Amino acid sequence: MDSEIFDSGMASLDDSSKDATPEKPKAIVGDDDAYDEDIEDETWAERLEGLTEMLPDSVRNFSSKVASMTTASIKGLYNFSRSGLWIVASSSLLLFGPLVFEVERAQLEESQRSQQKQFLLGPNTMSGNLGPNMAMTSR
């Protein structure tokens, strides 16, 4: 009973029906270290350069031109946006800066007038409004 569980059934087949591929030899523990020391680590750029040798010259030239044009256009766009931002920022400060200062000055003057009026007339005066009692007695 136990032999039926572990038997794969391959022993009962004849040699012609078995898979003819040879088994891979198992690695010896000491050989892995020696094998790893022989292989030099390649960088990503080195591997990419090795793969480009498989491509035709026209494909390599085209991809080189596309890469250089992309780099140049990104640099140009960056310089243009940097210059444009400087122009917009400095122009807005020159155009709107005096306006902001004048509005702030006008608000400060209005605040000083209201404080002066409150100081001269007293804290209970209402500027321009008649109180509810004054409106009733004037009839």
N, C-alpha and C. Protein backbone atom coordinates (compact mmCIF):
# COMPACT_ATOMS: atom_id res chain seq x y z
N MET A 1 0.82 -1.18 0.00
CA MET A 1 0.00 0.00 0.00
C MET A 1 0.86 1.25 0.00
N ASP A 2 1.94 1.25 0.81
CA ASP A 2 2.81 2.40 0.88
C ASP A 2 3.57 2.60 -0.42
N SER A 3 3.91 1.53 -1.10
CA SER A 3 4.67 1.64 -2.34
C SER A 3 3.81 2.25 -3.45
N GLU A 4 2.51 2.10 -3.42
CA GLU A 4 1.63 2.67 -4.43
C GLU A 4 1.55 4.19 -4.29
N ILE A 5 1.66 4.72 -3.08
CA ILE A 5 1.57 6.16 -2.86
C ILE A 5 2.81 6.87 -3.41
N PHE A 6 3.98 6.30 -3.21
CA PHE A 6 5.21 6.95 -3.61
C PHE A 6 5.65 6.59 -5.02
N ASP A 7 5.05 5.60 -5.66
CA ASP A 7 5.44 5.20 -6.99
C ASP A 7 4.84 6.15 -8.01
N SER A 8 5.69 6.72 -8.86
CA SER A 8 5.19 7.67 -9.86
C SER A 8 4.67 6.95 -11.10
N GLY A 9 4.96 5.67 -11.23
CA GLY A 9 4.50 4.91 -12.38
C GLY A 9 5.48 4.93 -13.52
N MET A 10 6.56 5.66 -13.39
CA MET A 10 7.55 5.75 -14.46
C MET A 10 8.38 4.47 -14.57
N ALA A 11 8.53 3.73 -13.48
CA ALA A 11 9.35 2.52 -13.51
C ALA A 11 8.70 1.43 -14.35
N SER A 12 7.41 1.46 -14.45
CA SER A 12 6.74 0.41 -15.19
C SER A 12 6.78 0.65 -16.69
N LEU A 13 7.12 1.87 -17.14
CA LEU A 13 7.16 2.16 -18.57
C LEU A 13 8.48 1.67 -19.15
N ASP A 14 8.44 1.33 -20.42
CA ASP A 14 9.69 0.94 -21.06
C ASP A 14 10.51 2.18 -21.42
N ASP A 15 11.75 1.98 -21.82
CA ASP A 15 12.68 3.07 -22.06
C ASP A 15 12.27 3.96 -23.23
N SER A 16 11.54 3.45 -24.18
CA SER A 16 11.18 4.24 -25.37
C SER A 16 10.14 5.30 -25.05
N SER A 17 9.31 5.09 -24.03
CA SER A 17 8.28 6.06 -23.73
C SER A 17 8.73 7.09 -22.68
N LYS A 18 9.89 6.91 -22.08
CA LYS A 18 10.39 7.86 -21.10
C LYS A 18 10.93 9.10 -21.79
N ASP A 19 10.97 10.18 -21.07
CA ASP A 19 11.54 11.43 -21.58
C ASP A 19 13.04 11.24 -21.77
N ALA A 20 13.55 11.64 -22.92
CA ALA A 20 14.95 11.39 -23.25
C ALA A 20 15.87 12.52 -22.80
N THR A 21 15.36 13.55 -22.16
CA THR A 21 16.23 14.64 -21.74
C THR A 21 17.02 14.22 -20.53
N PRO A 22 18.29 14.52 -20.55
CA PRO A 22 19.11 14.12 -19.40
C PRO A 22 18.84 15.05 -18.21
N GLU A 23 19.03 14.53 -17.05
CA GLU A 23 18.82 15.34 -15.85
C GLU A 23 19.98 16.30 -15.68
N LYS A 24 19.67 17.46 -15.10
CA LYS A 24 20.70 18.45 -14.86
C LYS A 24 21.51 18.03 -13.65
N PRO A 25 22.81 18.17 -13.74
CA PRO A 25 23.61 17.81 -12.56
C PRO A 25 23.39 18.83 -11.46
N LYS A 26 23.39 18.35 -10.24
CA LYS A 26 23.20 19.23 -9.10
C LYS A 26 24.48 20.01 -8.85
N ALA A 27 24.32 21.26 -8.43
CA ALA A 27 25.48 22.13 -8.21
C ALA A 27 26.19 21.73 -6.94
N ILE A 28 27.47 21.81 -6.98
CA ILE A 28 28.28 21.54 -5.81
C ILE A 28 28.38 22.85 -5.03
N VAL A 29 28.33 22.76 -3.73
CA VAL A 29 28.26 23.95 -2.89
C VAL A 29 29.46 24.86 -3.08
N GLY A 30 30.64 24.34 -3.20
CA GLY A 30 31.84 25.15 -3.34
C GLY A 30 31.96 25.83 -4.69
N ASP A 31 31.31 25.31 -5.74
CA ASP A 31 31.46 25.87 -7.08
C ASP A 31 30.72 27.19 -7.26
N ASP A 32 29.67 27.46 -6.50
CA ASP A 32 28.90 28.70 -6.65
C ASP A 32 29.76 29.92 -6.36
N ASP A 33 30.55 29.85 -5.34
CA ASP A 33 31.38 30.99 -4.97
C ASP A 33 32.42 31.28 -6.04
N ALA A 34 33.02 30.26 -6.60
CA ALA A 34 34.04 30.44 -7.63
C ALA A 34 33.41 31.00 -8.90
N TYR A 35 32.19 30.58 -9.21
CA TYR A 35 31.50 31.05 -10.39
C TYR A 35 31.12 32.52 -10.26
N ASP A 36 30.67 32.94 -9.09
CA ASP A 36 30.29 34.33 -8.86
C ASP A 36 31.48 35.27 -8.94
N GLU A 37 32.63 34.83 -8.56
CA GLU A 37 33.82 35.68 -8.60
C GLU A 37 34.29 35.92 -10.02
N ASP A 38 34.02 34.98 -10.93
CA ASP A 38 34.47 35.12 -12.32
C ASP A 38 33.63 36.13 -13.10
N ILE A 39 32.36 36.29 -12.75
CA ILE A 39 31.46 37.19 -13.48
C ILE A 39 31.60 38.60 -12.91
N GLU A 40 31.90 39.55 -13.80
CA GLU A 40 32.00 40.94 -13.37
C GLU A 40 30.61 41.57 -13.43
N ASP A 41 30.30 42.41 -12.47
CA ASP A 41 29.01 43.09 -12.46
C ASP A 41 29.03 44.19 -13.51
N GLU A 42 27.98 44.21 -14.33
CA GLU A 42 27.85 45.24 -15.35
C GLU A 42 26.88 46.29 -14.86
N THR A 43 27.15 47.52 -15.21
CA THR A 43 26.20 48.58 -14.88
C THR A 43 25.09 48.57 -15.92
N TRP A 44 24.05 49.30 -15.63
CA TRP A 44 22.92 49.39 -16.54
C TRP A 44 23.35 50.01 -17.87
N ALA A 45 24.18 51.02 -17.80
CA ALA A 45 24.65 51.70 -19.02
C ALA A 45 25.50 50.76 -19.88
N GLU A 46 26.33 49.95 -19.25
CA GLU A 46 27.16 49.01 -20.00
C GLU A 46 26.30 47.96 -20.69
N ARG A 47 25.27 47.49 -20.02
CA ARG A 47 24.38 46.49 -20.64
C ARG A 47 23.63 47.11 -21.81
N LEU A 48 23.17 48.35 -21.62
CA LEU A 48 22.44 49.02 -22.69
C LEU A 48 23.34 49.26 -23.89
N GLU A 49 24.58 49.64 -23.64
CA GLU A 49 25.54 49.83 -24.73
C GLU A 49 25.79 48.51 -25.46
N GLY A 50 25.87 47.42 -24.73
CA GLY A 50 26.07 46.12 -25.35
C GLY A 50 24.87 45.71 -26.20
N LEU A 51 23.67 46.07 -25.75
CA LEU A 51 22.48 45.73 -26.53
C LEU A 51 22.36 46.59 -27.78
N THR A 52 22.86 47.82 -27.73
CA THR A 52 22.74 48.68 -28.91
C THR A 52 23.60 48.18 -30.06
N GLU A 53 24.61 47.39 -29.78
CA GLU A 53 25.43 46.87 -30.86
C GLU A 53 24.66 45.89 -31.74
N MET A 54 23.56 45.38 -31.23
CA MET A 54 22.74 44.45 -32.01
C MET A 54 21.86 45.20 -33.02
N LEU A 55 21.63 46.48 -32.81
CA LEU A 55 20.73 47.25 -33.66
C LEU A 55 21.49 47.81 -34.86
N PRO A 56 20.79 48.06 -35.96
CA PRO A 56 21.45 48.67 -37.12
C PRO A 56 21.85 50.13 -36.83
N ASP A 57 22.78 50.63 -37.61
CA ASP A 57 23.28 51.99 -37.41
C ASP A 57 22.18 53.03 -37.56
N SER A 58 21.25 52.83 -38.48
CA SER A 58 20.20 53.82 -38.70
C SER A 58 19.32 53.97 -37.46
N VAL A 59 19.01 52.87 -36.79
CA VAL A 59 18.19 52.92 -35.58
C VAL A 59 18.96 53.60 -34.46
N ARG A 60 20.25 53.30 -34.34
CA ARG A 60 21.06 53.93 -33.30
C ARG A 60 21.19 55.43 -33.53
N ASN A 61 21.41 55.83 -34.77
CA ASN A 61 21.54 57.26 -35.09
C ASN A 61 20.23 58.00 -34.82
N PHE A 62 19.12 57.39 -35.25
CA PHE A 62 17.81 58.01 -35.04
C PHE A 62 17.50 58.18 -33.55
N SER A 63 17.73 57.14 -32.77
CA SER A 63 17.43 57.23 -31.34
C SER A 63 18.37 58.22 -30.64
N SER A 64 19.60 58.32 -31.11
CA SER A 64 20.54 59.30 -30.55
C SER A 64 20.07 60.72 -30.85
N LYS A 65 19.62 60.96 -32.07
CA LYS A 65 19.12 62.29 -32.43
C LYS A 65 17.86 62.64 -31.64
N VAL A 66 16.96 61.68 -31.49
CA VAL A 66 15.73 61.93 -30.72
C VAL A 66 16.07 62.26 -29.27
N ALA A 67 16.99 61.53 -28.68
CA ALA A 67 17.37 61.78 -27.30
C ALA A 67 18.02 63.14 -27.13
N SER A 68 18.90 63.52 -28.06
CA SER A 68 19.57 64.82 -27.95
C SER A 68 18.59 65.97 -28.20
N MET A 69 17.66 65.80 -29.13
CA MET A 69 16.65 66.84 -29.37
C MET A 69 15.71 66.98 -28.19
N THR A 70 15.35 65.87 -27.57
CA THR A 70 14.49 65.93 -26.40
C THR A 70 15.18 66.65 -25.25
N THR A 71 16.44 66.35 -25.04
CA THR A 71 17.20 67.02 -23.99
C THR A 71 17.31 68.52 -24.26
N ALA A 72 17.61 68.87 -25.50
CA ALA A 72 17.75 70.29 -25.85
C ALA A 72 16.42 71.04 -25.71
N SER A 73 15.32 70.40 -26.10
CA SER A 73 14.02 71.07 -26.00
C SER A 73 13.59 71.23 -24.55
N ILE A 74 13.88 70.27 -23.70
CA ILE A 74 13.55 70.40 -22.27
C ILE A 74 14.37 71.53 -21.64
N LYS A 75 15.66 71.62 -21.99
CA LYS A 75 16.49 72.71 -21.47
C LYS A 75 15.98 74.05 -21.97
N GLY A 76 15.61 74.15 -23.24
CA GLY A 76 15.09 75.39 -23.79
C GLY A 76 13.77 75.80 -23.15
N LEU A 77 12.90 74.83 -22.92
CA LEU A 77 11.62 75.12 -22.27
C LEU A 77 11.83 75.58 -20.83
N TYR A 78 12.77 74.98 -20.15
CA TYR A 78 13.08 75.40 -18.78
C TYR A 78 13.60 76.83 -18.76
N ASN A 79 14.54 77.17 -19.65
CA ASN A 79 15.08 78.53 -19.70
C ASN A 79 14.00 79.54 -20.08
N PHE A 80 13.14 79.20 -21.03
CA PHE A 80 12.05 80.10 -21.43
C PHE A 80 11.08 80.33 -20.29
N SER A 81 10.70 79.27 -19.59
CA SER A 81 9.74 79.44 -18.48
C SER A 81 10.38 80.22 -17.34
N ARG A 82 11.67 80.02 -17.10
CA ARG A 82 12.35 80.77 -16.05
C ARG A 82 12.38 82.26 -16.39
N SER A 83 12.70 82.59 -17.63
CA SER A 83 12.73 83.99 -18.05
C SER A 83 11.33 84.60 -18.02
N GLY A 84 10.36 83.84 -18.50
CA GLY A 84 8.97 84.34 -18.50
C GLY A 84 8.45 84.60 -17.09
N LEU A 85 8.77 83.72 -16.19
CA LEU A 85 8.33 83.91 -14.80
C LEU A 85 8.98 85.15 -14.19
N TRP A 86 10.25 85.37 -14.50
CA TRP A 86 10.94 86.57 -13.99
C TRP A 86 10.29 87.84 -14.55
N ILE A 87 9.95 87.84 -15.83
CA ILE A 87 9.33 89.02 -16.44
C ILE A 87 7.96 89.28 -15.83
N VAL A 88 7.15 88.25 -15.67
CA VAL A 88 5.81 88.42 -15.11
C VAL A 88 5.88 88.89 -13.66
N ALA A 89 6.76 88.31 -12.87
CA ALA A 89 6.86 88.68 -11.46
C ALA A 89 7.35 90.11 -11.29
N SER A 90 8.39 90.49 -12.01
CA SER A 90 8.92 91.85 -11.85
C SER A 90 7.94 92.89 -12.40
N SER A 91 7.26 92.58 -13.51
CA SER A 91 6.28 93.53 -14.06
C SER A 91 5.10 93.71 -13.13
N SER A 92 4.63 92.62 -12.54
CA SER A 92 3.49 92.75 -11.64
C SER A 92 3.86 93.54 -10.38
N LEU A 93 5.08 93.38 -9.90
CA LEU A 93 5.51 94.18 -8.76
C LEU A 93 5.60 95.66 -9.12
N LEU A 94 6.11 95.95 -10.29
CA LEU A 94 6.23 97.35 -10.71
C LEU A 94 4.88 97.99 -11.01
N LEU A 95 3.95 97.22 -11.56
CA LEU A 95 2.65 97.77 -11.93
C LEU A 95 1.67 97.83 -10.74
N PHE A 96 1.62 96.77 -9.95
CA PHE A 96 0.62 96.70 -8.89
C PHE A 96 1.15 97.10 -7.52
N GLY A 97 2.47 97.18 -7.37
CA GLY A 97 3.05 97.59 -6.08
C GLY A 97 2.60 98.97 -5.64
N PRO A 98 2.72 100.00 -6.49
CA PRO A 98 2.25 101.33 -6.08
C PRO A 98 0.75 101.37 -5.79
N LEU A 99 -0.03 100.63 -6.53
CA LEU A 99 -1.47 100.60 -6.29
C LEU A 99 -1.77 100.02 -4.90
N VAL A 100 -1.11 98.97 -4.54
CA VAL A 100 -1.31 98.37 -3.22
C VAL A 100 -0.90 99.33 -2.12
N PHE A 101 0.22 100.01 -2.33
CA PHE A 101 0.67 100.98 -1.32
C PHE A 101 -0.30 102.14 -1.18
N GLU A 102 -0.88 102.62 -2.27
CA GLU A 102 -1.84 103.73 -2.20
C GLU A 102 -3.13 103.30 -1.52
N VAL A 103 -3.60 102.12 -1.80
CA VAL A 103 -4.82 101.62 -1.14
C VAL A 103 -4.57 101.48 0.35
N GLU A 104 -3.44 100.97 0.72
CA GLU A 104 -3.10 100.82 2.13
C GLU A 104 -2.99 102.18 2.82
N ARG A 105 -2.39 103.15 2.13
CA ARG A 105 -2.27 104.50 2.69
C ARG A 105 -3.63 105.14 2.87
N ALA A 106 -4.55 104.96 1.90
CA ALA A 106 -5.90 105.53 2.01
C ALA A 106 -6.65 104.90 3.17
N GLN A 107 -6.50 103.61 3.38
CA GLN A 107 -7.16 102.96 4.51
C GLN A 107 -6.59 103.46 5.83
N LEU A 108 -5.31 103.66 5.88
CA LEU A 108 -4.68 104.18 7.10
C LEU A 108 -5.16 105.59 7.40
N GLU A 109 -5.27 106.46 6.38
CA GLU A 109 -5.77 107.82 6.59
C GLU A 109 -7.22 107.79 7.07
N GLU A 110 -8.04 106.93 6.48
CA GLU A 110 -9.45 106.82 6.91
C GLU A 110 -9.54 106.36 8.35
N SER A 111 -8.70 105.42 8.73
CA SER A 111 -8.67 104.94 10.11
C SER A 111 -8.24 106.05 11.06
N GLN A 112 -7.25 106.85 10.66
CA GLN A 112 -6.80 107.95 11.51
C GLN A 112 -7.89 109.02 11.64
N ARG A 113 -8.63 109.31 10.56
CA ARG A 113 -9.74 110.30 10.63
C ARG A 113 -10.82 109.82 11.58
N SER A 114 -11.17 108.54 11.48
CA SER A 114 -12.23 108.06 12.38
C SER A 114 -11.76 108.07 13.82
N GLN A 115 -10.52 107.78 14.09
CA GLN A 115 -10.01 107.85 15.47
C GLN A 115 -9.98 109.30 15.97
N GLN A 116 -9.61 110.22 15.08
CA GLN A 116 -9.57 111.63 15.47
C GLN A 116 -10.99 112.13 15.74
N LYS A 117 -11.95 111.75 14.91
CA LYS A 117 -13.34 112.17 15.10
C LYS A 117 -13.89 111.60 16.40
N GLN A 118 -13.57 110.36 16.70
CA GLN A 118 -14.03 109.73 17.93
C GLN A 118 -13.40 110.43 19.14
N PHE A 119 -12.16 110.83 19.02
CA PHE A 119 -11.48 111.49 20.12
C PHE A 119 -12.06 112.88 20.36
N LEU A 120 -12.38 113.64 19.30
CA LEU A 120 -12.90 114.99 19.45
C LEU A 120 -14.36 115.02 19.90
N LEU A 121 -15.20 114.15 19.35
CA LEU A 121 -16.63 114.18 19.63
C LEU A 121 -17.04 113.27 20.77
N GLY A 122 -16.21 112.38 21.15
CA GLY A 122 -16.54 111.47 22.25
C GLY A 122 -16.84 110.09 21.73
N PRO A 123 -16.78 109.13 22.64
CA PRO A 123 -16.97 107.74 22.20
C PRO A 123 -18.42 107.38 21.88
N ASN A 124 -19.42 108.14 22.35
CA ASN A 124 -20.82 107.76 22.16
C ASN A 124 -21.45 108.39 20.93
N THR A 125 -20.74 109.16 20.17
CA THR A 125 -21.34 109.81 19.00
C THR A 125 -21.43 108.84 17.84
N MET A 126 -22.51 108.97 17.10
CA MET A 126 -22.70 108.16 15.91
C MET A 126 -22.55 109.09 14.73
N SER A 127 -21.71 108.79 13.86
CA SER A 127 -21.43 109.70 12.76
C SER A 127 -22.52 109.62 11.70
N GLY A 128 -23.30 110.70 11.55
CA GLY A 128 -24.28 110.80 10.48
C GLY A 128 -25.61 110.15 10.75
N ASN A 129 -25.78 109.38 11.80
CA ASN A 129 -27.05 108.72 12.09
C ASN A 129 -27.73 109.38 13.27
N LEU A 130 -29.01 109.49 13.17
CA LEU A 130 -29.79 109.92 14.31
C LEU A 130 -30.19 108.68 15.09
N GLY A 131 -30.14 108.75 16.35
CA GLY A 131 -30.52 107.61 17.15
C GLY A 131 -32.02 107.38 17.07
N PRO A 132 -32.51 106.26 17.53
CA PRO A 132 -33.93 105.98 17.47
C PRO A 132 -34.75 106.95 18.34
N ASN A 133 -34.20 107.43 19.44
CA ASN A 133 -34.94 108.38 20.28
C ASN A 133 -35.02 109.75 19.64
N MET A 134 -34.01 110.15 18.93
CA MET A 134 -34.00 111.47 18.28
C MET A 134 -35.05 111.50 17.16
N ALA A 135 -35.24 110.42 16.44
CA ALA A 135 -36.22 110.39 15.35
C ALA A 135 -37.63 110.48 15.89
N MET A 136 -37.90 109.93 17.03
CA MET A 136 -39.24 109.95 17.61
C MET A 136 -39.61 111.34 18.15
N THR A 137 -38.65 112.07 18.69
CA THR A 137 -38.96 113.35 19.30
C THR A 137 -39.04 114.47 18.29
N SER A 138 -38.55 114.30 17.11
CA SER A 138 -38.60 115.37 16.14
C SER A 138 -39.96 115.52 15.48
N ARG A 139 -40.91 114.68 15.70
CA ARG A 139 -42.24 114.78 15.11
C ARG A 139 -43.06 115.76 15.81
